[in-house]
Amino acid sequence: MTAFSQRIRALLSVLNQRHHQFAITQGERFVRSLERRIGRQSAVGDAAFFDCGQFPWIAELEANWQVIRRELDGVLQSVQALPNFQDISADQLSITQDNRWKTYFFYGYGFKAKQNCDRCPETTRLIEQIPAMKTAFFSILLPHKQIGEHRGPYKGLLRYHLGLKVPQPDACRLRVGQQTRHWQEGCSLVFDDTFPHAAWNDSDEIRVVLFVDFVRPMRFPDAVLNRLMIQLIAWSPYVQSGKERVREWEARSTSAAAPVR
């Protein structure tokens, strides 16, 4: 390759990087511009935390939380082998860089982690009944893990937590906006993660919640626009790379578990 060709390739690489960053920046501005409209057209209101009674499907999850907990206990037997959140979602590096936030994925924007789901069949059955569920996983905070303040990328989704393992409720807390709540085993929280939020496990034990993102109920015709935006998010490199990382982890896990012949 000639020196001229090398310079041309280097220039094209810079231009591509700038175009990619420009597209990301413009996309973020557009999404932010939708947030006020989403808040106004939300069928469940616009708040940091929501009344769980607005979501009838929560009752069955709470009634079966111990069923989910039993499957979780099996997963926790090899907790150190589970991926860190940033190993699956690289953009989480801005809020966590250690090995004390573990994840066990079931679903992510249409992608099913079959190996994980097969291992926890009852949990899978229950989360598959959540209307418009987009993401579901066990979120595992090891002792004394803190997650600094951050915000979610899109207001058209809501976040659900079901407490599964909460050793000391007074030491395990979630702040969303100006409100702080404490997880409790068998109890639910629903919140809007586009409010600045942070989480703490100040106990000496592991804290685990079932973590679900689902489509925010919206009035027509904004419900159609909202689902279109979520589909675009599902097609984004951010989500696609996460799916590939889950697949890679499952492949490594299967290989490690295979008997030596």
C-alpha atoms as a PDB file:
ATOM      1  CA  MET A   1       0.000   0.000   0.000  1.00  0.00           C
ATOM      2  CA  THR A   2       1.404   3.403  -0.981  1.00  0.00           C
ATOM      3  CA  ALA A   3       1.819   6.261   1.491  1.00  0.00           C
ATOM      4  CA  PHE A   4      -0.950   8.152  -0.364  1.00  0.00           C
ATOM      5  CA  SER A   5      -3.342   5.211  -0.008  1.00  0.00           C
ATOM      6  CA  GLN A   6      -2.554   4.950   3.690  1.00  0.00           C
ATOM      7  CA  ARG A   7      -3.357   8.646   4.176  1.00  0.00           C
ATOM      8  CA  ILE A   8      -6.646   8.268   2.294  1.00  0.00           C
ATOM      9  CA  ARG A   9      -7.654   5.273   4.408  1.00  0.00           C
ATOM     10  CA  ALA A  10      -6.743   7.118   7.605  1.00  0.00           C
ATOM     11  CA  LEU A  11      -8.822  10.125   6.493  1.00  0.00           C
ATOM     12  CA  LEU A  12     -11.814   7.919   5.657  1.00  0.00           C
ATOM     13  CA  SER A  13     -11.525   6.243   9.041  1.00  0.00           C
ATOM     14  CA  VAL A  14     -11.642   9.608  10.809  1.00  0.00           C
ATOM     15  CA  LEU A  15     -14.622  10.728   8.724  1.00  0.00           C
ATOM     16  CA  ASN A  16     -16.478   7.496   9.478  1.00  0.00           C
ATOM     17  CA  GLN A  17     -15.840   7.909  13.194  1.00  0.00           C
ATOM     18  CA  ARG A  18     -17.083  11.505  13.077  1.00  0.00           C
ATOM     19  CA  HIS A  19     -20.180  10.495  11.095  1.00  0.00           C
ATOM     20  CA  HIS A  20     -20.896   7.715  13.603  1.00  0.00           C
ATOM     21  CA  GLN A  21     -20.534  10.116  16.551  1.00  0.00           C
ATOM     22  CA  PHE A  22     -22.693  12.723  14.790  1.00  0.00           C
ATOM     23  CA  ALA A  23     -25.423  10.121  14.232  1.00  0.00           C
ATOM     24  CA  ILE A  24     -25.290   9.089  17.889  1.00  0.00           C
ATOM     25  CA  THR A  25     -25.434  12.706  19.072  1.00  0.00           C
ATOM     26  CA  GLN A  26     -28.360  13.589  16.816  1.00  0.00           C
ATOM     27  CA  GLY A  27     -30.179  10.410  17.808  1.00  0.00           C
ATOM     28  CA  GLU A  28     -29.786  11.224  21.489  1.00  0.00           C
ATOM     29  CA  ARG A  29     -31.088  14.757  20.934  1.00  0.00           C
ATOM     30  CA  PHE A  30     -34.134  13.432  19.101  1.00  0.00           C
ATOM     31  CA  VAL A  31     -34.880  10.899  21.852  1.00  0.00           C
ATOM     32  CA  ARG A  32     -34.548  13.568  24.532  1.00  0.00           C
ATOM     33  CA  SER A  33     -36.939  15.806  22.579  1.00  0.00           C
ATOM     34  CA  LEU A  34     -39.579  13.071  22.834  1.00  0.00           C
ATOM     35  CA  GLU A  35     -39.426  12.807  26.602  1.00  0.00           C
ATOM     36  CA  ARG A  36     -41.876  15.589  27.446  1.00  0.00           C
ATOM     37  CA  ARG A  37     -44.394  14.196  24.982  1.00  0.00           C
ATOM     38  CA  ILE A  38     -44.004  10.697  26.381  1.00  0.00           C
ATOM     39  CA  GLY A  39     -44.600  12.019  29.879  1.00  0.00           C
ATOM     40  CA  ARG A  40     -47.774  13.839  28.788  1.00  0.00           C
ATOM     41  CA  GLN A  41     -49.154  10.892  26.823  1.00  0.00           C
ATOM     42  CA  SER A  42     -48.276   8.201  29.359  1.00  0.00           C
ATOM     43  CA  ALA A  43     -51.331   6.146  30.310  1.00  0.00           C
ATOM     44  CA  VAL A  44     -49.929   5.596  33.809  1.00  0.00           C
ATOM     45  CA  GLY A  45     -48.738   9.117  34.517  1.00  0.00           C
ATOM     46  CA  ASP A  46     -45.277  10.619  34.764  1.00  0.00           C
ATOM     47  CA  ALA A  47     -43.448   9.996  38.028  1.00  0.00           C
ATOM     48  CA  ALA A  48     -40.221   8.668  39.493  1.00  0.00           C
ATOM     49  CA  PHE A  49     -41.941   5.706  41.175  1.00  0.00           C
ATOM     50  CA  PHE A  50     -45.300   4.187  40.216  1.00  0.00           C
ATOM     51  CA  ASP A  51     -48.095   2.516  42.151  1.00  0.00           C
ATOM     52  CA  CYS A  52     -47.639  -1.203  41.483  1.00  0.00           C
ATOM     53  CA  GLY A  53     -51.430  -1.586  41.488  1.00  0.00           C
ATOM     54  CA  GLN A  54     -51.430   0.017  38.034  1.00  0.00           C
ATOM     55  CA  PHE A  55     -49.826  -3.151  36.627  1.00  0.00           C
ATOM     56  CA  PRO A  56     -52.042  -6.217  37.275  1.00  0.00           C
ATOM     57  CA  TRP A  57     -49.364  -8.688  36.142  1.00  0.00           C
ATOM     58  CA  ILE A  58     -47.225  -7.864  39.179  1.00  0.00           C
ATOM     59  CA  ALA A  59     -49.509  -9.829  41.514  1.00  0.00           C
ATOM     60  CA  GLU A  60     -48.576 -13.194  39.992  1.00  0.00           C
ATOM     61  CA  LEU A  61     -44.869 -12.463  40.148  1.00  0.00           C
ATOM     62  CA  GLU A  62     -45.095 -11.518  43.815  1.00  0.00           C
ATOM     63  CA  ALA A  63     -47.198 -14.611  44.545  1.00  0.00           C
ATOM     64  CA  ASN A  64     -44.463 -16.758  42.992  1.00  0.00           C
ATOM     65  CA  TRP A  65     -41.379 -14.927  44.215  1.00  0.00           C
ATOM     66  CA  GLN A  66     -40.225 -17.905  46.272  1.00  0.00           C
ATOM     67  CA  VAL A  67     -40.421 -20.119  43.169  1.00  0.00           C
ATOM     68  CA  ILE A  68     -38.116 -17.665  41.409  1.00  0.00           C
ATOM     69  CA  ARG A  69     -35.901 -17.473  44.496  1.00  0.00           C
ATOM     70  CA  ARG A  70     -35.362 -21.243  44.495  1.00  0.00           C
ATOM     71  CA  GLU A  71     -34.125 -21.113  40.895  1.00  0.00           C
ATOM     72  CA  LEU A  72     -31.992 -18.091  41.751  1.00  0.00           C
ATOM     73  CA  ASP A  73     -30.348 -20.019  44.603  1.00  0.00           C
ATOM     74  CA  GLY A  74     -29.138 -22.570  42.063  1.00  0.00           C
ATOM     75  CA  VAL A  75     -27.677 -19.797  39.897  1.00  0.00           C
ATOM     76  CA  LEU A  76     -25.901 -18.236  42.887  1.00  0.00           C
ATOM     77  CA  GLN A  77     -23.962 -21.437  43.563  1.00  0.00           C
ATOM     78  CA  SER A  78     -21.567 -20.267  40.832  1.00  0.00           C
ATOM     79  CA  VAL A  79     -22.017 -16.521  41.222  1.00  0.00           C
ATOM     80  CA  GLN A  80     -18.358 -15.656  40.619  1.00  0.00           C
ATOM     81  CA  ALA A  81     -18.537 -17.310  37.187  1.00  0.00           C
ATOM     82  CA  LEU A  82     -21.389 -15.029  36.097  1.00  0.00           C
ATOM     83  CA  PRO A  83     -20.588 -12.099  33.800  1.00  0.00           C
ATOM     84  CA  ASN A  84     -20.227  -8.591  35.151  1.00  0.00           C
ATOM     85  CA  PHE A  85     -22.826  -6.204  33.797  1.00  0.00           C
ATOM     86  CA  GLN A  86     -20.209  -4.261  31.854  1.00  0.00           C
ATOM     87  CA  ASP A  87     -19.089  -7.542  30.231  1.00  0.00           C
ATOM     88  CA  ILE A  88     -22.525  -7.750  28.610  1.00  0.00           C
ATOM     89  CA  SER A  89     -23.331  -4.054  28.202  1.00  0.00           C
ATOM     90  CA  ALA A  90     -20.125  -2.144  27.524  1.00  0.00           C
ATOM     91  CA  ASP A  91     -21.736   1.274  28.046  1.00  0.00           C
ATOM     92  CA  GLN A  92     -22.091   0.362  31.753  1.00  0.00           C
ATOM     93  CA  LEU A  93     -18.365   0.979  32.126  1.00  0.00           C
ATOM     94  CA  SER A  94     -19.237   4.566  32.937  1.00  0.00           C
ATOM     95  CA  ILE A  95     -20.937   3.456  36.182  1.00  0.00           C
ATOM     96  CA  THR A  96     -19.277   0.141  37.110  1.00  0.00           C
ATOM     97  CA  GLN A  97     -15.797  -1.225  36.477  1.00  0.00           C
ATOM     98  CA  ASP A  98     -15.300  -3.852  39.164  1.00  0.00           C
ATOM     99  CA  ASN A  99     -16.611  -7.428  39.443  1.00  0.00           C
ATOM    100  CA  ARG A 100     -19.342  -6.799  42.029  1.00  0.00           C
ATOM    101  CA  TRP A 101     -22.363  -6.313  39.743  1.00  0.00           C
ATOM    102  CA  LYS A 102     -23.187  -9.691  38.242  1.00  0.00           C
ATOM    103  CA  THR A 103     -25.952 -10.503  35.762  1.00  0.00           C
ATOM    104  CA  TYR A 104     -27.866 -13.537  34.597  1.00  0.00           C
ATOM    105  CA  PHE A 105     -29.791 -12.666  31.423  1.00  0.00           C
ATOM    106  CA  PHE A 106     -33.044 -14.201  30.227  1.00  0.00           C
ATOM    107  CA  TYR A 107     -34.229 -11.787  27.524  1.00  0.00           C
ATOM    108  CA  GLY A 108     -32.990  -8.712  25.726  1.00  0.00           C
ATOM    109  CA  TYR A 109     -35.110  -7.001  23.044  1.00  0.00           C
ATOM    110  CA  GLY A 110     -36.386 -10.206  21.473  1.00  0.00           C
ATOM    111  CA  PHE A 111     -33.239 -12.232  22.104  1.00  0.00           C
ATOM    112  CA  LYS A 112     -33.732 -15.242  24.370  1.00  0.00           C
ATOM    113  CA  ALA A 113     -30.765 -16.595  26.315  1.00  0.00           C
ATOM    114  CA  LYS A 114     -31.954 -20.166  25.899  1.00  0.00           C
ATOM    115  CA  GLN A 115     -29.371 -21.813  28.111  1.00  0.00           C
ATOM    116  CA  ASN A 116     -30.183 -19.511  31.024  1.00  0.00           C
ATOM    117  CA  CYS A 117     -33.919 -19.819  30.457  1.00  0.00           C
ATOM    118  CA  ASP A 118     -33.733 -23.616  30.376  1.00  0.00           C
ATOM    119  CA  ARG A 119     -31.953 -23.565  33.716  1.00  0.00           C
ATOM    120  CA  CYS A 120     -34.726 -21.445  35.292  1.00  0.00           C
ATOM    121  CA  PRO A 121     -37.945 -22.657  33.607  1.00  0.00           C
ATOM    122  CA  GLU A 122     -40.424 -21.273  36.140  1.00  0.00           C
ATOM    123  CA  THR A 123     -38.784 -17.857  36.190  1.00  0.00           C
ATOM    124  CA  THR A 124     -38.854 -17.849  32.399  1.00  0.00           C
ATOM    125  CA  ARG A 125     -42.521 -18.818  32.318  1.00  0.00           C
ATOM    126  CA  LEU A 126     -43.410 -15.971  34.676  1.00  0.00           C
ATOM    127  CA  ILE A 127     -41.437 -13.247  32.937  1.00  0.00           C
ATOM    128  CA  GLU A 128     -42.810 -14.300  29.547  1.00  0.00           C
ATOM    129  CA  GLN A 129     -46.264 -13.350  30.854  1.00  0.00           C
ATOM    130  CA  ILE A 130     -45.242  -9.735  31.499  1.00  0.00           C
ATOM    131  CA  PRO A 131     -46.962  -7.567  28.854  1.00  0.00           C
ATOM    132  CA  ALA A 132     -44.480  -5.963  26.459  1.00  0.00           C
ATOM    133  CA  MET A 133     -41.439  -7.252  28.367  1.00  0.00           C
ATOM    134  CA  LYS A 134     -38.232  -6.199  26.602  1.00  0.00           C
ATOM    135  CA  THR A 135     -35.400  -7.070  28.966  1.00  0.00           C
ATOM    136  CA  ALA A 136     -35.225  -9.448  31.923  1.00  0.00           C
ATOM    137  CA  PHE A 137     -32.361 -10.667  34.081  1.00  0.00           C
ATOM    138  CA  PHE A 138     -31.212 -11.276  37.638  1.00  0.00           C
ATOM    139  CA  SER A 139     -29.360  -8.179  38.849  1.00  0.00           C
ATOM    140  CA  ILE A 140     -26.870  -9.271  41.498  1.00  0.00           C
ATOM    141  CA  LEU A 141     -25.049  -6.763  43.698  1.00  0.00           C
ATOM    142  CA  LEU A 142     -22.243  -8.262  45.731  1.00  0.00           C
ATOM    143  CA  PRO A 143     -21.549  -6.940  49.258  1.00  0.00           C
ATOM    144  CA  HIS A 144     -20.895  -3.211  49.542  1.00  0.00           C
ATOM    145  CA  LYS A 145     -21.453  -2.538  45.851  1.00  0.00           C
ATOM    146  CA  GLN A 146     -22.605   0.977  45.011  1.00  0.00           C
ATOM    147  CA  ILE A 147     -23.876   2.123  41.615  1.00  0.00           C
ATOM    148  CA  GLY A 148     -23.367   5.835  41.093  1.00  0.00           C
ATOM    149  CA  GLU A 149     -25.990   8.213  39.778  1.00  0.00           C
ATOM    150  CA  HIS A 150     -26.935   7.697  36.130  1.00  0.00           C
ATOM    151  CA  ARG A 151     -29.998   7.787  33.907  1.00  0.00           C
ATOM    152  CA  GLY A 152     -31.605   5.497  31.360  1.00  0.00           C
ATOM    153  CA  PRO A 153     -31.595   6.227  27.638  1.00  0.00           C
ATOM    154  CA  TYR A 154     -35.311   6.225  26.790  1.00  0.00           C
ATOM    155  CA  LYS A 155     -38.485   7.248  28.634  1.00  0.00           C
ATOM    156  CA  GLY A 156     -40.754   4.959  26.601  1.00  0.00           C
ATOM    157  CA  LEU A 157     -39.739   2.052  28.825  1.00  0.00           C
ATOM    158  CA  LEU A 158     -40.396   1.516  32.530  1.00  0.00           C
ATOM    159  CA  ARG A 159     -38.284  -0.533  34.914  1.00  0.00           C
ATOM    160  CA  TYR A 160     -39.493  -3.213  37.317  1.00  0.00           C
ATOM    161  CA  HIS A 161     -37.648  -4.735  40.285  1.00  0.00           C
ATOM    162  CA  LEU A 162     -38.833  -7.739  42.300  1.00  0.00           C
ATOM    163  CA  GLY A 163     -36.860  -8.258  45.509  1.00  0.00           C
ATOM    164  CA  LEU A 164     -35.540 -11.836  45.661  1.00  0.00           C
ATOM    165  CA  LYS A 165     -32.605 -11.744  48.059  1.00  0.00           C
ATOM    166  CA  VAL A 166     -32.434  -8.725  50.335  1.00  0.00           C
ATOM    167  CA  PRO A 167     -30.371  -9.522  53.441  1.00  0.00           C
ATOM    168  CA  GLN A 168     -30.797  -6.165  55.158  1.00  0.00           C
ATOM    169  CA  PRO A 169     -33.569  -3.987  53.670  1.00  0.00           C
ATOM    170  CA  ASP A 170     -32.337  -0.918  55.569  1.00  0.00           C
ATOM    171  CA  ALA A 171     -28.894  -1.324  53.931  1.00  0.00           C
ATOM    172  CA  CYS A 172     -30.169  -1.999  50.394  1.00  0.00           C
ATOM    173  CA  ARG A 173     -31.720   1.036  48.764  1.00  0.00           C
ATOM    174  CA  LEU A 174     -32.603   2.684  45.474  1.00  0.00           C
ATOM    175  CA  ARG A 175     -32.831   6.432  44.917  1.00  0.00           C
ATOM    176  CA  VAL A 176     -34.783   7.708  41.901  1.00  0.00           C
ATOM    177  CA  GLY A 177     -34.957  11.471  41.548  1.00  0.00           C
ATOM    178  CA  GLN A 178     -35.365  12.751  45.107  1.00  0.00           C
ATOM    179  CA  GLN A 179     -37.104   9.618  46.424  1.00  0.00           C
ATOM    180  CA  THR A 180     -35.430   6.671  48.132  1.00  0.00           C
ATOM    181  CA  ARG A 181     -36.988   3.219  48.485  1.00  0.00           C
ATOM    182  CA  HIS A 182     -35.720  -0.005  50.037  1.00  0.00           C
ATOM    183  CA  TRP A 183     -36.027  -3.398  48.370  1.00  0.00           C
ATOM    184  CA  GLN A 184     -37.880  -6.093  50.251  1.00  0.00           C
ATOM    185  CA  GLU A 185     -38.089  -9.784  49.435  1.00  0.00           C
ATOM    186  CA  GLY A 186     -41.268 -10.591  47.531  1.00  0.00           C
ATOM    187  CA  CYS A 187     -42.094  -6.921  46.956  1.00  0.00           C
ATOM    188  CA  SER A 188     -41.988  -4.858  43.770  1.00  0.00           C
ATOM    189  CA  LEU A 189     -40.827  -1.444  42.623  1.00  0.00           C
ATOM    190  CA  VAL A 190     -41.706   0.214  39.309  1.00  0.00           C
ATOM    191  CA  PHE A 191     -39.850   3.358  38.301  1.00  0.00           C
ATOM    192  CA  ASP A 192     -38.821   5.585  35.425  1.00  0.00           C
ATOM    193  CA  ASP A 193     -35.090   5.129  34.963  1.00  0.00           C
ATOM    194  CA  THR A 194     -34.704   8.363  32.982  1.00  0.00           C
ATOM    195  CA  PHE A 195     -34.807  10.107  36.361  1.00  0.00           C
ATOM    196  CA  PRO A 196     -31.280  10.261  37.800  1.00  0.00           C
ATOM    197  CA  HIS A 197     -30.954   7.195  40.009  1.00  0.00           C
ATOM    198  CA  ALA A 198     -28.420   5.314  42.110  1.00  0.00           C
ATOM    199  CA  ALA A 199     -28.329   2.056  44.081  1.00  0.00           C
ATOM    200  CA  TRP A 200     -26.529   0.700  47.138  1.00  0.00           C
ATOM    201  CA  ASN A 201     -25.942  -2.652  48.765  1.00  0.00           C
ATOM    202  CA  ASP A 202     -24.273  -1.668  52.021  1.00  0.00           C
ATOM    203  CA  SER A 203     -24.780  -5.116  53.553  1.00  0.00           C
ATOM    204  CA  ASP A 204     -22.270  -7.934  53.971  1.00  0.00           C
ATOM    205  CA  GLU A 205     -24.285 -10.261  51.731  1.00  0.00           C
ATOM    206  CA  ILE A 206     -25.516 -10.495  48.136  1.00  0.00           C
ATOM    207  CA  ARG A 207     -28.575  -8.516  47.040  1.00  0.00           C
ATOM    208  CA  VAL A 208     -30.586  -9.785  44.037  1.00  0.00           C
ATOM    209  CA  VAL A 209     -33.625  -8.448  42.193  1.00  0.00           C
ATOM    210  CA  LEU A 210     -35.439  -9.628  39.100  1.00  0.00           C
ATOM    211  CA  PHE A 211     -34.820  -6.691  36.758  1.00  0.00           C
ATOM    212  CA  VAL A 212     -37.283  -6.103  33.890  1.00  0.00           C
ATOM    213  CA  ASP A 213     -37.728  -3.332  31.346  1.00  0.00           C
ATOM    214  CA  PHE A 214     -41.186  -3.174  29.748  1.00  0.00           C
ATOM    215  CA  VAL A 215     -42.962  -0.863  27.340  1.00  0.00           C
ATOM    216  CA  ARG A 216     -44.587   2.111  29.045  1.00  0.00           C
ATOM    217  CA  PRO A 217     -48.362   2.089  28.461  1.00  0.00           C
ATOM    218  CA  MET A 218     -49.142   5.035  26.163  1.00  0.00           C
ATOM    219  CA  ARG A 219     -52.240   6.611  24.662  1.00  0.00           C
ATOM    220  CA  PHE A 220     -52.926   6.204  20.940  1.00  0.00           C
ATOM    221  CA  PRO A 221     -51.365   7.252  18.596  1.00  0.00           C
ATOM    222  CA  ASP A 222     -48.230   7.794  20.679  1.00  0.00           C
ATOM    223  CA  ALA A 223     -48.242   4.118  21.629  1.00  0.00           C
ATOM    224  CA  VAL A 224     -47.447   3.320  17.991  1.00  0.00           C
ATOM    225  CA  LEU A 225     -44.592   5.830  17.852  1.00  0.00           C
ATOM    226  CA  ASN A 226     -43.240   4.495  21.130  1.00  0.00           C
ATOM    227  CA  ARG A 227     -43.107   0.922  19.872  1.00  0.00           C
ATOM    228  CA  LEU A 228     -41.406   2.091  16.687  1.00  0.00           C
ATOM    229  CA  MET A 229     -38.726   3.862  18.728  1.00  0.00           C
ATOM    230  CA  ILE A 230     -38.180   0.761  20.851  1.00  0.00           C
ATOM    231  CA  GLN A 231     -37.779  -1.345  17.709  1.00  0.00           C
ATOM    232  CA  LEU A 232     -35.133   1.082  16.470  1.00  0.00           C
ATOM    233  CA  ILE A 233     -33.349   0.718  19.809  1.00  0.00           C
ATOM    234  CA  ALA A 234     -33.500  -3.073  19.401  1.00  0.00           C
ATOM    235  CA  TRP A 235     -31.755  -2.745  16.031  1.00  0.00           C
ATOM    236  CA  SER A 236     -29.059  -0.436  17.392  1.00  0.00           C
ATOM    237  CA  PRO A 237     -25.398  -1.542  17.665  1.00  0.00           C
ATOM    238  CA  TYR A 238     -25.678  -1.028  21.433  1.00  0.00           C
ATOM    239  CA  VAL A 239     -28.305  -3.768  21.788  1.00  0.00           C
ATOM    240  CA  GLN A 240     -26.888  -6.045  19.079  1.00  0.00           C
ATOM    241  CA  SER A 241     -23.445  -6.070  20.684  1.00  0.00           C
ATOM    242  CA  GLY A 242     -25.036  -6.984  24.019  1.00  0.00           C
ATOM    243  CA  LYS A 243     -26.779  -9.959  22.417  1.00  0.00           C
ATOM    244  CA  GLU A 244     -23.485 -11.155  20.960  1.00  0.00           C
ATOM    245  CA  ARG A 245     -21.806 -10.878  24.355  1.00  0.00           C
ATOM    246  CA  VAL A 246     -24.541 -13.009  25.943  1.00  0.00           C
ATOM    247  CA  ARG A 247     -24.108 -15.611  23.183  1.00  0.00           C
ATOM    248  CA  GLU A 248     -20.340 -15.626  23.731  1.00  0.00           C
ATOM    249  CA  TRP A 249     -20.755 -16.062  27.475  1.00  0.00           C
ATOM    250  CA  GLU A 250     -23.209 -18.923  26.977  1.00  0.00           C
ATOM    251  CA  ALA A 251     -20.797 -20.624  24.588  1.00  0.00           C
ATOM    252  CA  ARG A 252     -17.926 -20.311  27.066  1.00  0.00           C
ATOM    253  CA  SER A 253     -20.144 -21.538  29.894  1.00  0.00           C
ATOM    254  CA  THR A 254     -21.244 -24.589  27.881  1.00  0.00           C
ATOM    255  CA  SER A 255     -17.661 -25.374  26.908  1.00  0.00           C
ATOM    256  CA  ALA A 256     -16.466 -25.115  30.506  1.00  0.00           C
ATOM    257  CA  ALA A 257     -19.243 -27.415  31.700  1.00  0.00           C
ATOM    258  CA  ALA A 258     -18.594 -30.084  29.052  1.00  0.00           C
ATOM    259  CA  PRO A 259     -17.025 -33.291  30.438  1.00  0.00           C
ATOM    260  CA  VAL A 260     -13.416 -33.985  29.570  1.00  0.00           C
ATOM    261  CA  ARG A 261     -13.074 -37.164  27.487  1.00  0.00           C
END
